[in-house]
Structures are given as C-alpha cells and as structure tokens.
PDB file of N, CA and C in Angstrom:
ATOM      1  N   UNK A   1      16.989  -0.731   1.865  1.00  0.00           N
ATOM      2  CA  UNK A   1      16.733  -0.823   0.496  1.00  0.00           C
ATOM      3  C   UNK A   1      15.928  -1.996   0.048  1.00  0.00           C
ATOM      4  N   UNK A   2      16.360  -3.214   0.726  1.00  0.00           N
ATOM      5  CA  UNK A   2      15.672  -4.414   0.423  1.00  0.00           C
ATOM      6  C   UNK A   2      14.149  -4.431   0.790  1.00  0.00           C
ATOM      7  N   UNK A   3      13.883  -3.727   1.912  1.00  0.00           N
ATOM      8  CA  UNK A   3      12.540  -3.705   2.308  1.00  0.00           C
ATOM      9  C   UNK A   3      11.681  -2.873   1.323  1.00  0.00           C
ATOM     10  N   UNK A   4      12.248  -1.741   0.860  1.00  0.00           N
ATOM     11  CA  UNK A   4      11.454  -1.001  -0.159  1.00  0.00           C
ATOM     12  C   UNK A   4      11.249  -1.761  -1.406  1.00  0.00           C
ATOM     13  N   UNK A   5      12.325  -2.392  -1.935  1.00  0.00           N
ATOM     14  CA  UNK A   5      12.226  -3.234  -3.160  1.00  0.00           C
ATOM     15  C   UNK A   5      11.101  -4.296  -2.888  1.00  0.00           C
ATOM     16  N   UNK A   6      11.146  -4.943  -1.740  1.00  0.00           N
ATOM     17  CA  UNK A   6      10.158  -6.042  -1.404  1.00  0.00           C
ATOM     18  C   UNK A   6       8.798  -5.458  -1.408  1.00  0.00           C
ATOM     19  N   UNK A   7       8.575  -4.361  -0.812  1.00  0.00           N
ATOM     20  CA  UNK A   7       7.279  -3.707  -0.821  1.00  0.00           C
ATOM     21  C   UNK A   7       6.713  -3.328  -2.206  1.00  0.00           C
ATOM     22  N   UNK A   8       7.629  -2.852  -3.059  1.00  0.00           N
ATOM     23  CA  UNK A   8       7.247  -2.474  -4.411  1.00  0.00           C
ATOM     24  C   UNK A   8       6.910  -3.649  -5.242  1.00  0.00           C
ATOM     25  N   UNK A   9       7.574  -4.791  -4.973  1.00  0.00           N
ATOM     26  CA  UNK A   9       7.451  -6.054  -5.649  1.00  0.00           C
ATOM     27  C   UNK A   9       6.036  -6.635  -5.178  1.00  0.00           C
ATOM     28  N   UNK A  10       5.813  -6.552  -3.891  1.00  0.00           N
ATOM     29  CA  UNK A  10       4.534  -6.989  -3.388  1.00  0.00           C
ATOM     30  C   UNK A  10       3.337  -6.134  -4.125  1.00  0.00           C
ATOM     31  N   UNK A  11       3.489  -4.905  -4.249  1.00  0.00           N
ATOM     32  CA  UNK A  11       2.568  -4.113  -4.915  1.00  0.00           C
ATOM     33  C   UNK A  11       2.358  -4.531  -6.461  1.00  0.00           C
ATOM     34  N   UNK A  12       3.465  -4.871  -7.034  1.00  0.00           N
ATOM     35  CA  UNK A  12       3.448  -5.228  -8.469  1.00  0.00           C
ATOM     36  C   UNK A  12       2.666  -6.597  -8.657  1.00  0.00           C
ATOM     37  N   UNK A  13       2.983  -7.533  -7.726  1.00  0.00           N
ATOM     38  CA  UNK A  13       2.306  -8.779  -7.845  1.00  0.00           C
ATOM     39  C   UNK A  13       0.767  -8.643  -7.485  1.00  0.00           C
ATOM     40  N   UNK A  14       0.504  -7.813  -6.530  1.00  0.00           N
ATOM     41  CA  UNK A  14      -0.874  -7.659  -6.194  1.00  0.00           C
ATOM     42  C   UNK A  14      -1.627  -7.040  -7.447  1.00  0.00           C
ATOM     43  N   UNK A  15      -1.093  -6.053  -8.055  1.00  0.00           N
ATOM     44  CA  UNK A  15      -1.689  -5.518  -9.322  1.00  0.00           C
ATOM     45  C   UNK A  15      -1.767  -6.503 -10.479  1.00  0.00           C
ATOM     46  N   UNK A  16      -0.716  -7.363 -10.601  1.00  0.00           N
ATOM     47  CA  UNK A  16      -0.748  -8.407 -11.684  1.00  0.00           C
ATOM     48  C   UNK A  16      -1.916  -9.405 -11.381  1.00  0.00           C
ATOM     49  N   UNK A  17      -1.997  -9.779 -10.093  1.00  0.00           N
ATOM     50  CA  UNK A  17      -3.072 -10.713  -9.772  1.00  0.00           C
ATOM     51  C   UNK A  17      -4.468 -10.095  -9.922  1.00  0.00           C
ATOM     52  N   UNK A  18      -4.563  -8.837  -9.693  1.00  0.00           N
ATOM     53  CA  UNK A  18      -5.962  -8.146  -9.759  1.00  0.00           C
ATOM     54  C   UNK A  18      -6.277  -7.822 -11.212  1.00  0.00           C
ATOM     55  N   UNK A  19      -5.249  -7.534 -12.046  1.00  0.00           N
ATOM     56  CA  UNK A  19      -5.494  -7.111 -13.389  1.00  0.00           C
ATOM     57  C   UNK A  19      -4.496  -7.839 -14.373  1.00  0.00           C
ATOM     58  N   UNK A  20      -4.671  -9.104 -14.520  1.00  0.00           N
ATOM     59  CA  UNK A  20      -3.591  -9.844 -15.391  1.00  0.00           C
ATOM     60  C   UNK A  20      -3.618  -9.369 -16.790  1.00  0.00           C
ATOM     61  N   UNK A  21      -4.612  -8.757 -17.345  1.00  0.00           N
ATOM     62  CA  UNK A  21      -4.540  -8.363 -18.656  1.00  0.00           C
ATOM     63  C   UNK A  21      -3.803  -7.004 -18.840  1.00  0.00           C
ATOM     64  N   UNK A  22      -3.474  -6.340 -17.732  1.00  0.00           N
ATOM     65  CA  UNK A  22      -2.857  -5.102 -17.726  1.00  0.00           C
ATOM     66  C   UNK A  22      -1.282  -5.112 -17.292  1.00  0.00           C
ATOM     67  N   UNK A  23      -0.955  -6.167 -16.499  1.00  0.00           N
ATOM     68  CA  UNK A  23       0.314  -6.206 -15.865  1.00  0.00           C
ATOM     69  C   UNK A  23       1.069  -7.530 -16.273  1.00  0.00           C
ATOM     70  N   UNK A  24       2.288  -7.476 -16.441  1.00  0.00           N
ATOM     71  CA  UNK A  24       3.100  -8.625 -16.795  1.00  0.00           C
ATOM     72  C   UNK A  24       3.322  -9.539 -15.594  1.00  0.00           C
ATOM     73  N   UNK A  25       3.563 -10.738 -15.808  1.00  0.00           N
ATOM     74  CA  UNK A  25       3.954 -11.698 -14.667  1.00  0.00           C
ATOM     75  C   UNK A  25       5.395 -11.397 -14.274  1.00  0.00           C
ATOM     76  N   UNK A  26       5.673 -11.373 -12.983  1.00  0.00           N
ATOM     77  CA  UNK A  26       6.988 -11.050 -12.529  1.00  0.00           C
ATOM     78  C   UNK A  26       7.513 -12.132 -11.681  1.00  0.00           C
ATOM     79  N   UNK A  27       8.655 -12.751 -12.064  1.00  0.00           N
ATOM     80  CA  UNK A  27       9.349 -13.750 -11.130  1.00  0.00           C
ATOM     81  C   UNK A  27      10.287 -13.062 -10.165  1.00  0.00           C
ATOM     82  N   UNK A  28      10.671 -11.842 -10.357  1.00  0.00           N
ATOM     83  CA  UNK A  28      11.485 -11.175  -9.528  1.00  0.00           C
ATOM     84  C   UNK A  28      11.127  -9.584  -9.600  1.00  0.00           C
ATOM     85  N   UNK A  29      11.652  -8.891  -8.589  1.00  0.00           N
ATOM     86  CA  UNK A  29      11.299  -7.420  -8.610  1.00  0.00           C
ATOM     87  C   UNK A  29      11.688  -6.795  -9.913  1.00  0.00           C
ATOM     88  N   UNK A  30      10.850  -6.075 -10.507  1.00  0.00           N
ATOM     89  CA  UNK A  30      11.145  -5.224 -11.651  1.00  0.00           C
ATOM     90  C   UNK A  30      11.638  -3.924 -11.323  1.00  0.00           C
ATOM     91  N   UNK A  31      11.326  -3.437 -10.127  1.00  0.00           N
ATOM     92  CA  UNK A  31      11.775  -2.146  -9.588  1.00  0.00           C
ATOM     93  C   UNK A  31      12.802  -2.380  -8.442  1.00  0.00           C
ATOM     94  N   UNK A  32      14.060  -2.364  -8.964  1.00  0.00           N
ATOM     95  CA  UNK A  32      15.194  -2.812  -8.058  1.00  0.00           C
ATOM     96  C   UNK A  32      15.823  -1.581  -7.475  1.00  0.00           C
ATOM     97  N   UNK A  33      17.094  -1.737  -7.101  1.00  0.00           N
ATOM     98  CA  UNK A  33      17.835  -0.781  -6.340  1.00  0.00           C
ATOM     99  C   UNK A  33      17.991   0.594  -7.241  1.00  0.00           C
ATOM    100  N   UNK A  34      18.211   0.408  -8.516  1.00  0.00           N
ATOM    101  CA  UNK A  34      18.354   1.602  -9.392  1.00  0.00           C
ATOM    102  C   UNK A  34      17.063   2.446  -9.388  1.00  0.00           C
ATOM    103  N   UNK A  35      15.930   1.760  -9.471  1.00  0.00           N
ATOM    104  CA  UNK A  35      14.703   2.469  -9.445  1.00  0.00           C
ATOM    105  C   UNK A  35      14.497   3.137  -8.101  1.00  0.00           C
ATOM    106  N   UNK A  36      14.683   2.471  -7.000  1.00  0.00           N
ATOM    107  CA  UNK A  36      14.469   3.078  -5.690  1.00  0.00           C
ATOM    108  C   UNK A  36      15.506   4.215  -5.454  1.00  0.00           C
ATOM    109  N   UNK A  37      16.749   4.114  -5.830  1.00  0.00           N
ATOM    110  CA  UNK A  37      17.650   5.168  -5.711  1.00  0.00           C
ATOM    111  C   UNK A  37      17.224   6.342  -6.497  1.00  0.00           C
ATOM    112  N   UNK A  38      16.655   6.169  -7.775  1.00  0.00           N
ATOM    113  CA  UNK A  38      16.117   7.287  -8.541  1.00  0.00           C
ATOM    114  C   UNK A  38      14.989   8.032  -7.781  1.00  0.00           C
ATOM    115  N   UNK A  39      14.018   7.135  -7.176  1.00  0.00           N
ATOM    116  CA  UNK A  39      13.023   7.834  -6.319  1.00  0.00           C
ATOM    117  C   UNK A  39      13.569   8.699  -5.171  1.00  0.00           C
ATOM    118  N   UNK A  40      14.525   8.081  -4.530  1.00  0.00           N
ATOM    119  CA  UNK A  40      15.094   8.711  -3.338  1.00  0.00           C
ATOM    120  C   UNK A  40      15.935   9.983  -3.721  1.00  0.00           C
ATOM    121  N   UNK A  41      16.513  10.044  -4.864  1.00  0.00           N
ATOM    122  CA  UNK A  41      17.273  11.116  -5.331  1.00  0.00           C
ATOM    123  C   UNK A  41      16.349  12.302  -5.952  1.00  0.00           C
ATOM    124  N   UNK A  42      15.038  12.042  -6.239  1.00  0.00           N
ATOM    125  CA  UNK A  42      14.284  13.054  -6.766  1.00  0.00           C
ATOM    126  C   UNK A  42      14.161  14.211  -5.813  1.00  0.00           C
ATOM    127  N   UNK A  43      14.423  15.412  -6.380  1.00  0.00           N
ATOM    128  CA  UNK A  43      14.283  16.585  -5.577  1.00  0.00           C
ATOM    129  C   UNK A  43      12.844  17.049  -5.247  1.00  0.00           C
ATOM    130  N   UNK A  44      11.935  16.505  -6.040  1.00  0.00           N
ATOM    131  CA  UNK A  44      10.484  16.987  -5.895  1.00  0.00           C
ATOM    132  C   UNK A  44       9.679  15.880  -5.316  1.00  0.00           C
ATOM    133  N   UNK A  45      10.294  14.913  -4.594  1.00  0.00           N
ATOM    134  CA  UNK A  45       9.499  13.838  -4.004  1.00  0.00           C
ATOM    135  C   UNK A  45      10.124  13.425  -2.725  1.00  0.00           C
ATOM    136  N   UNK A  46       9.366  12.237  -2.210  1.00  0.00           N
ATOM    137  CA  UNK A  46       9.746  11.618  -0.971  1.00  0.00           C
ATOM    138  C   UNK A  46       9.209  10.237  -0.924  1.00  0.00           C
ATOM    139  N   UNK A  47       9.790   9.360  -0.261  1.00  0.00           N
ATOM    140  CA  UNK A  47       9.267   8.076   0.180  1.00  0.00           C
ATOM    141  C   UNK A  47       9.179   8.038   1.697  1.00  0.00           C
ATOM    142  N   UNK A  48       7.961   7.885   2.218  1.00  0.00           N
ATOM    143  CA  UNK A  48       7.697   7.799   3.677  1.00  0.00           C
ATOM    144  C   UNK A  48       7.482   6.347   3.929  1.00  0.00           C
ATOM    145  N   UNK A  49       7.986   5.881   5.045  1.00  0.00           N
ATOM    146  CA  UNK A  49       7.828   4.441   5.434  1.00  0.00           C
ATOM    147  C   UNK A  49       7.126   4.253   6.744  1.00  0.00           C
ATOM    148  N   UNK A  50       6.398   3.159   6.954  1.00  0.00           N
ATOM    149  CA  UNK A  50       5.739   2.841   8.157  1.00  0.00           C
ATOM    150  C   UNK A  50       6.605   1.676   8.811  1.00  0.00           C
ATOM    151  N   UNK A  51       7.017   1.771  10.037  1.00  0.00           N
ATOM    152  CA  UNK A  51       7.728   0.715  10.680  1.00  0.00           C
ATOM    153  C   UNK A  51       7.002   0.206  11.836  1.00  0.00           C
ATOM    154  N   UNK A  52       7.157  -1.029  12.098  1.00  0.00           N
ATOM    155  CA  UNK A  52       6.544  -1.668  13.303  1.00  0.00           C
ATOM    156  C   UNK A  52       7.692  -2.545  13.947  1.00  0.00           C
ATOM    157  N   UNK A  53       8.112  -2.196  15.147  1.00  0.00           N
ATOM    158  CA  UNK A  53       9.103  -2.821  15.772  1.00  0.00           C
ATOM    159  C   UNK A  53      10.390  -3.012  14.989  1.00  0.00           C
ATOM    160  N   UNK A  54      10.705  -1.936  14.262  1.00  0.00           N
ATOM    161  CA  UNK A  54      11.920  -1.762  13.335  1.00  0.00           C
ATOM    162  C   UNK A  54      11.859  -2.498  12.116  1.00  0.00           C
ATOM    163  N   UNK A  55      10.771  -2.951  11.672  1.00  0.00           N
ATOM    164  CA  UNK A  55      10.500  -3.614  10.340  1.00  0.00           C
ATOM    165  C   UNK A  55       9.678  -2.752   9.499  1.00  0.00           C
ATOM    166  N   UNK A  56      10.035  -2.449   8.340  1.00  0.00           N
ATOM    167  CA  UNK A  56       9.265  -1.669   7.474  1.00  0.00           C
ATOM    168  C   UNK A  56       8.056  -2.420   6.973  1.00  0.00           C
ATOM    169  N   UNK A  57       6.872  -1.891   7.158  1.00  0.00           N
ATOM    170  CA  UNK A  57       5.600  -2.559   6.829  1.00  0.00           C
ATOM    171  C   UNK A  57       4.790  -1.899   5.809  1.00  0.00           C
ATOM    172  N   UNK A  58       5.276  -0.722   5.444  1.00  0.00           N
ATOM    173  CA  UNK A  58       4.561   0.043   4.386  1.00  0.00           C
ATOM    174  C   UNK A  58       5.292   1.246   3.890  1.00  0.00           C
ATOM    175  N   UNK A  59       4.848   1.789   2.792  1.00  0.00           N
ATOM    176  CA  UNK A  59       5.505   2.938   2.216  1.00  0.00           C
ATOM    177  C   UNK A  59       4.447   3.754   1.432  1.00  0.00           C
ATOM    178  N   UNK A  60       4.710   5.029   1.229  1.00  0.00           N
ATOM    179  CA  UNK A  60       4.013   5.869   0.360  1.00  0.00           C
ATOM    180  C   UNK A  60       5.098   6.703  -0.334  1.00  0.00           C
ATOM    181  N   UNK A  61       4.884   6.916  -1.713  1.00  0.00           N
ATOM    182  CA  UNK A  61       5.861   7.616  -2.477  1.00  0.00           C
ATOM    183  C   UNK A  61       5.109   8.765  -3.092  1.00  0.00           C
ATOM    184  N   UNK A  62       5.604  10.010  -2.948  1.00  0.00           N
ATOM    185  CA  UNK A  62       5.029  11.207  -3.498  1.00  0.00           C
ATOM    186  C   UNK A  62       5.938  11.987  -4.362  1.00  0.00           C
ATOM    187  N   UNK A  63       5.375  12.656  -5.311  1.00  0.00           N
ATOM    188  CA  UNK A  63       6.112  13.652  -6.133  1.00  0.00           C
ATOM    189  C   UNK A  63       5.299  14.877  -6.137  1.00  0.00           C
ATOM    190  N   UNK A  64       5.945  16.005  -6.102  1.00  0.00           N
ATOM    191  CA  UNK A  64       5.334  17.346  -6.111  1.00  0.00           C
ATOM    192  C   UNK A  64       5.555  18.064  -7.472  1.00  0.00           C
ATOM    193  N   UNK A  65       4.455  18.564  -8.031  1.00  0.00           N
ATOM    194  CA  UNK A  65       4.559  19.221  -9.335  1.00  0.00           C
ATOM    195  C   UNK A  65       4.009  20.580  -9.279  1.00  0.00           C
ATOM    196  N   UNK A  66       4.583  21.443 -10.022  1.00  0.00           N
ATOM    197  CA  UNK A  66       4.004  22.789 -10.306  1.00  0.00           C
ATOM    198  C   UNK A  66       3.481  22.706 -11.856  1.00  0.00           C
ATOM    199  N   UNK A  67       2.262  22.828 -12.061  1.00  0.00           N
ATOM    200  CA  UNK A  67       1.782  22.781 -13.402  1.00  0.00           C
ATOM    201  C   UNK A  67       0.474  23.546 -13.608  1.00  0.00           C
ATOM    202  N   UNK A  68       0.257  23.777 -14.809  1.00  0.00           N
ATOM    203  CA  UNK A  68      -0.887  24.582 -15.360  1.00  0.00           C
ATOM    204  C   UNK A  68      -1.759  23.560 -16.096  1.00  0.00           C
ATOM    205  N   UNK A  69      -3.009  23.412 -15.617  1.00  0.00           N
ATOM    206  CA  UNK A  69      -3.914  22.450 -16.291  1.00  0.00           C
ATOM    207  C   UNK A  69      -4.598  23.023 -17.573  1.00  0.00           C
ATOM    208  N   UNK A  70      -4.348  24.199 -17.869  1.00  0.00           N
ATOM    209  CA  UNK A  70      -5.018  24.858 -19.054  1.00  0.00           C
ATOM    210  C   UNK A  70      -4.331  26.188 -19.342  1.00  0.00           C
ATOM    211  N   UNK A  71      -4.428  26.661 -20.469  1.00  0.00           N
ATOM    212  CA  UNK A  71      -3.743  27.989 -20.838  1.00  0.00           C
ATOM    213  C   UNK A  71      -4.382  29.112 -20.085  1.00  0.00           C
ATOM    214  N   UNK A  72      -5.564  28.962 -19.564  1.00  0.00           N
ATOM    215  CA  UNK A  72      -6.222  30.110 -18.863  1.00  0.00           C
ATOM    216  C   UNK A  72      -6.106  29.955 -17.303  1.00  0.00           C
ATOM    217  N   UNK A  73      -5.549  28.873 -16.838  1.00  0.00           N
ATOM    218  CA  UNK A  73      -5.421  28.585 -15.389  1.00  0.00           C
ATOM    219  C   UNK A  73      -4.117  28.907 -14.841  1.00  0.00           C
ATOM    220  N   UNK A  74      -4.104  29.304 -13.551  1.00  0.00           N
ATOM    221  CA  UNK A  74      -2.855  29.561 -12.885  1.00  0.00           C
ATOM    222  C   UNK A  74      -2.113  28.275 -12.543  1.00  0.00           C
ATOM    223  N   UNK A  75      -0.801  28.412 -12.657  1.00  0.00           N
ATOM    224  CA  UNK A  75       0.002  27.325 -12.229  1.00  0.00           C
ATOM    225  C   UNK A  75      -0.240  26.888 -10.775  1.00  0.00           C
ATOM    226  N   UNK A  76      -0.364  25.685 -10.511  1.00  0.00           N
ATOM    227  CA  UNK A  76      -0.647  25.277  -9.115  1.00  0.00           C
ATOM    228  C   UNK A  76       0.291  24.141  -8.728  1.00  0.00           C
ATOM    229  N   UNK A  77       0.466  24.057  -7.461  1.00  0.00           N
ATOM    230  CA  UNK A  77       1.427  22.988  -6.934  1.00  0.00           C
ATOM    231  C   UNK A  77       0.485  21.965  -6.334  1.00  0.00           C
ATOM    232  N   UNK A  78       0.754  20.642  -6.802  1.00  0.00           N
ATOM    233  CA  UNK A  78       0.115  19.553  -6.168  1.00  0.00           C
ATOM    234  C   UNK A  78       1.046  18.350  -6.007  1.00  0.00           C
ATOM    235  N   UNK A  79       0.606  17.495  -5.138  1.00  0.00           N
ATOM    236  CA  UNK A  79       1.384  16.240  -4.924  1.00  0.00           C
ATOM    237  C   UNK A  79       0.606  15.077  -5.501  1.00  0.00           C
ATOM    238  N   UNK A  80       1.392  14.145  -6.163  1.00  0.00           N
ATOM    239  CA  UNK A  80       0.850  12.964  -6.649  1.00  0.00           C
ATOM    240  C   UNK A  80       1.342  11.762  -5.945  1.00  0.00           C
ATOM    241  N   UNK A  81       0.560  10.881  -5.551  1.00  0.00           N
ATOM    242  CA  UNK A  81       0.997   9.655  -4.902  1.00  0.00           C
ATOM    243  C   UNK A  81       1.328   8.698  -6.041  1.00  0.00           C
ATOM    244  N   UNK A  82       2.553   8.106  -6.008  1.00  0.00           N
ATOM    245  CA  UNK A  82       2.947   7.156  -6.938  1.00  0.00           C
ATOM    246  C   UNK A  82       2.706   5.765  -6.486  1.00  0.00           C
ATOM    247  N   UNK A  83       2.880   5.423  -5.209  1.00  0.00           N
ATOM    248  CA  UNK A  83       2.684   4.160  -4.729  1.00  0.00           C
ATOM    249  C   UNK A  83       2.239   4.204  -3.220  1.00  0.00           C
ATOM    250  N   UNK A  84       1.336   3.388  -2.799  1.00  0.00           N
ATOM    251  CA  UNK A  84       0.998   3.177  -1.374  1.00  0.00           C
ATOM    252  C   UNK A  84       0.940   1.739  -1.226  1.00  0.00           C
ATOM    253  N   UNK A  85       1.791   1.190  -0.454  1.00  0.00           N
ATOM    254  CA  UNK A  85       1.918  -0.241  -0.276  1.00  0.00           C
ATOM    255  C   UNK A  85       2.032  -0.597   1.279  1.00  0.00           C
ATOM    256  N   UNK A  86       1.273  -1.574   1.650  1.00  0.00           N
ATOM    257  CA  UNK A  86       1.350  -2.133   3.041  1.00  0.00           C
ATOM    258  C   UNK A  86       1.579  -3.645   2.868  1.00  0.00           C
ATOM    259  N   UNK A  87       2.425  -4.235   3.685  1.00  0.00           N
ATOM    260  CA  UNK A  87       2.635  -5.760   3.567  1.00  0.00           C
ATOM    261  C   UNK A  87       1.288  -6.416   3.856  1.00  0.00           C
ATOM    262  N   UNK A  88       1.051  -7.539   3.149  1.00  0.00           N
ATOM    263  CA  UNK A  88      -0.128  -8.294   3.302  1.00  0.00           C
ATOM    264  C   UNK A  88      -0.499  -8.610   4.767  1.00  0.00           C
ATOM    265  N   UNK A  89       0.554  -8.885   5.609  1.00  0.00           N
ATOM    266  CA  UNK A  89       0.305  -9.202   7.010  1.00  0.00           C
ATOM    267  C   UNK A  89      -0.200  -8.002   7.792  1.00  0.00           C
ATOM    268  N   UNK A  90      -0.048  -6.743   7.321  1.00  0.00           N
ATOM    269  CA  UNK A  90      -0.399  -5.637   8.088  1.00  0.00           C
ATOM    270  C   UNK A  90      -1.579  -4.820   7.502  1.00  0.00           C
ATOM    271  N   UNK A  91      -2.149  -5.376   6.454  1.00  0.00           N
ATOM    272  CA  UNK A  91      -3.371  -4.634   5.910  1.00  0.00           C
ATOM    273  C   UNK A  91      -4.505  -4.681   6.773  1.00  0.00           C
ATOM    274  N   UNK A  92      -5.278  -3.786   6.629  1.00  0.00           N
ATOM    275  CA  UNK A  92      -6.627  -3.577   7.391  1.00  0.00           C
ATOM    276  C   UNK A  92      -6.284  -3.263   8.794  1.00  0.00           C
ATOM    277  N   UNK A  93      -5.080  -2.669   9.095  1.00  0.00           N
ATOM    278  CA  UNK A  93      -4.758  -2.315  10.517  1.00  0.00           C
ATOM    279  C   UNK A  93      -4.579  -0.833  10.667  1.00  0.00           C
ATOM    280  N   UNK A  94      -4.989  -0.078   9.604  1.00  0.00           N
ATOM    281  CA  UNK A  94      -4.743   1.363   9.641  1.00  0.00           C
ATOM    282  C   UNK A  94      -3.391   1.915   9.214  1.00  0.00           C
ATOM    283  N   UNK A  95      -2.445   1.079   8.695  1.00  0.00           N
ATOM    284  CA  UNK A  95      -1.152   1.481   8.338  1.00  0.00           C
ATOM    285  C   UNK A  95      -1.326   2.429   7.032  1.00  0.00           C
ATOM    286  N   UNK A  96      -2.065   2.047   6.117  1.00  0.00           N
ATOM    287  CA  UNK A  96      -2.225   2.784   4.931  1.00  0.00           C
ATOM    288  C   UNK A  96      -2.902   4.192   5.297  1.00  0.00           C
ATOM    289  N   UNK A  97      -3.817   4.189   6.069  1.00  0.00           N
ATOM    290  CA  UNK A  97      -4.463   5.515   6.576  1.00  0.00           C
ATOM    291  C   UNK A  97      -3.372   6.344   7.168  1.00  0.00           C
ATOM    292  N   UNK A  98      -2.457   5.767   8.093  1.00  0.00           N
ATOM    293  CA  UNK A  98      -1.421   6.584   8.759  1.00  0.00           C
ATOM    294  C   UNK A  98      -0.399   7.071   7.708  1.00  0.00           C
ATOM    295  N   UNK A  99      -0.123   6.213   6.676  1.00  0.00           N
ATOM    296  CA  UNK A  99       0.884   6.651   5.706  1.00  0.00           C
ATOM    297  C   UNK A  99       0.291   7.825   4.874  1.00  0.00           C
ATOM    298  N   UNK A 100      -1.045   7.754   4.569  1.00  0.00           N
ATOM    299  CA  UNK A 100      -1.551   8.927   3.744  1.00  0.00           C
ATOM    300  C   UNK A 100      -1.732  10.225   4.649  1.00  0.00           C
ATOM    301  N   UNK A 101      -1.949   9.975   5.964  1.00  0.00           N
ATOM    302  CA  UNK A 101      -1.941  11.155   6.777  1.00  0.00           C
ATOM    303  C   UNK A 101      -0.522  11.737   6.854  1.00  0.00           C
ATOM    304  N   UNK A 102       0.526  10.972   6.966  1.00  0.00           N
ATOM    305  CA  UNK A 102       1.828  11.370   7.013  1.00  0.00           C
ATOM    306  C   UNK A 102       2.215  12.051   5.676  1.00  0.00           C
ATOM    307  N   UNK A 103       1.713  11.521   4.559  1.00  0.00           N
ATOM    308  CA  UNK A 103       1.927  12.129   3.226  1.00  0.00           C
ATOM    309  C   UNK A 103       1.327  13.499   3.140  1.00  0.00           C
ATOM    310  N   UNK A 104       0.089  13.616   3.632  1.00  0.00           N
ATOM    311  CA  UNK A 104      -0.618  14.890   3.600  1.00  0.00           C
ATOM    312  C   UNK A 104       0.147  15.929   4.475  1.00  0.00           C
ATOM    313  N   UNK A 105       0.624  15.545   5.648  1.00  0.00           N
ATOM    314  CA  UNK A 105       1.286  16.463   6.544  1.00  0.00           C
ATOM    315  C   UNK A 105       2.621  16.807   5.891  1.00  0.00           C
ATOM    316  N   UNK A 106       3.364  15.898   5.231  1.00  0.00           N
ATOM    317  CA  UNK A 106       4.627  16.253   4.571  1.00  0.00           C
ATOM    318  C   UNK A 106       4.389  17.270   3.499  1.00  0.00           C
ATOM    319  N   UNK A 107       3.303  17.012   2.756  1.00  0.00           N
ATOM    320  CA  UNK A 107       2.981  17.930   1.593  1.00  0.00           C
ATOM    321  C   UNK A 107       2.788  19.318   2.096  1.00  0.00           C
ATOM    322  N   UNK A 108       2.041  19.456   3.209  1.00  0.00           N
ATOM    323  CA  UNK A 108       1.718  20.779   3.724  1.00  0.00           C
ATOM    324  C   UNK A 108       2.882  21.430   4.209  1.00  0.00           C
ATOM    325  N   UNK A 109       3.789  20.644   4.846  1.00  0.00           N
ATOM    326  CA  UNK A 109       5.029  21.230   5.558  1.00  0.00           C
ATOM    327  C   UNK A 109       6.158  21.458   4.503  1.00  0.00           C
ATOM    328  N   UNK A 110       6.393  20.537   3.616  1.00  0.00           N
ATOM    329  CA  UNK A 110       7.492  20.586   2.782  1.00  0.00           C
ATOM    330  C   UNK A 110       7.290  21.254   1.338  1.00  0.00           C
ATOM    331  N   UNK A 111       6.021  21.202   0.908  1.00  0.00           N
ATOM    332  CA  UNK A 111       5.759  21.705  -0.427  1.00  0.00           C
ATOM    333  C   UNK A 111       4.414  22.515  -0.436  1.00  0.00           C
ATOM    334  N   UNK A 112       4.444  23.614   0.353  1.00  0.00           N
ATOM    335  CA  UNK A 112       3.305  24.408   0.383  1.00  0.00           C
ATOM    336  C   UNK A 112       2.820  24.963  -0.906  1.00  0.00           C
ATOM    337  N   UNK A 113       1.559  25.109  -1.070  1.00  0.00           N
ATOM    338  CA  UNK A 113       1.054  25.729  -2.336  1.00  0.00           C
ATOM    339  C   UNK A 113       1.791  27.093  -2.729  1.00  0.00           C
ATOM    340  N   UNK A 114       1.977  27.236  -3.987  1.00  0.00           N
ATOM    341  CA  UNK A 114       2.587  28.543  -4.497  1.00  0.00           C
ATOM    342  C   UNK A 114       1.608  29.553  -4.543  1.00  0.00           C
ATOM    343  N   UNK A 115       2.012  30.743  -4.166  1.00  0.00           N
ATOM    344  CA  UNK A 115       1.080  31.927  -4.391  1.00  0.00           C
ATOM    345  C   UNK A 115       1.481  32.567  -5.594  1.00  0.00           C
ATOM    346  N   UNK A 116       0.457  32.474  -6.509  1.00  0.00           N
ATOM    347  CA  UNK A 116       0.632  33.031  -7.908  1.00  0.00           C
ATOM    348  C   UNK A 116      -0.439  33.967  -8.318  1.00  0.00           C
TER     349      UNK A 116
END
C-alpha cells in the first residue's frame, strides 16, 4: 500500500513541477490509503505494478467503460489509463513500456470488446 501511495505522490509532484499553474503544491500525499483502496475495489478496473527485486518501481491504473459516444453509435468497451508512474530512479529503462504492454494484455484478456 505504501509503495502505491508513494508512486502516486511522485506522479502528483511531477505534475505540479511541470504545470504549477494547474496543480496545487503538496507537502504530503493527497491520494492516500482510502483513495488506493477505492481503486483496488473498483469492479471495472485494475492496478498493475512493476517490481524489481521485490520493490515496486511502477504502476499503471486502468478502468474499463462501456459507453456510447453519440446517439447514433454503438456502445463500445474501452479502457482508460488513469495513471502510469515509474519511480524517478527507474525511468528510461523500459518500465513504462512494459507496464503499458501488460495493461494492453490485461485489457484484451479481462475486458474483451462487447459484441453489439
């Protein structure tokens, strides 16, 4: 749990530093245990983690939706990525690419497109 909270905090700080006009300054994690538990309890989503020697170094969070983008379109199933985070020490080593590949494989396996 602490590793997930730490990764989400690192992501929040990264975004704050990149776009200070859009994100508040955070002295502590805004997305704590309650937030992570909510994500973990979601029936339509998943959090996948990357580990290196037993240490969590990245995560990707997905949610799957069935929706219609217009009144004349069929309902379709799609996955939305909520977060992709890799610790600063492990960036540029392919971890994010592996997380996205795992997310794509999960989507195909666990939430196949609806036939409508």
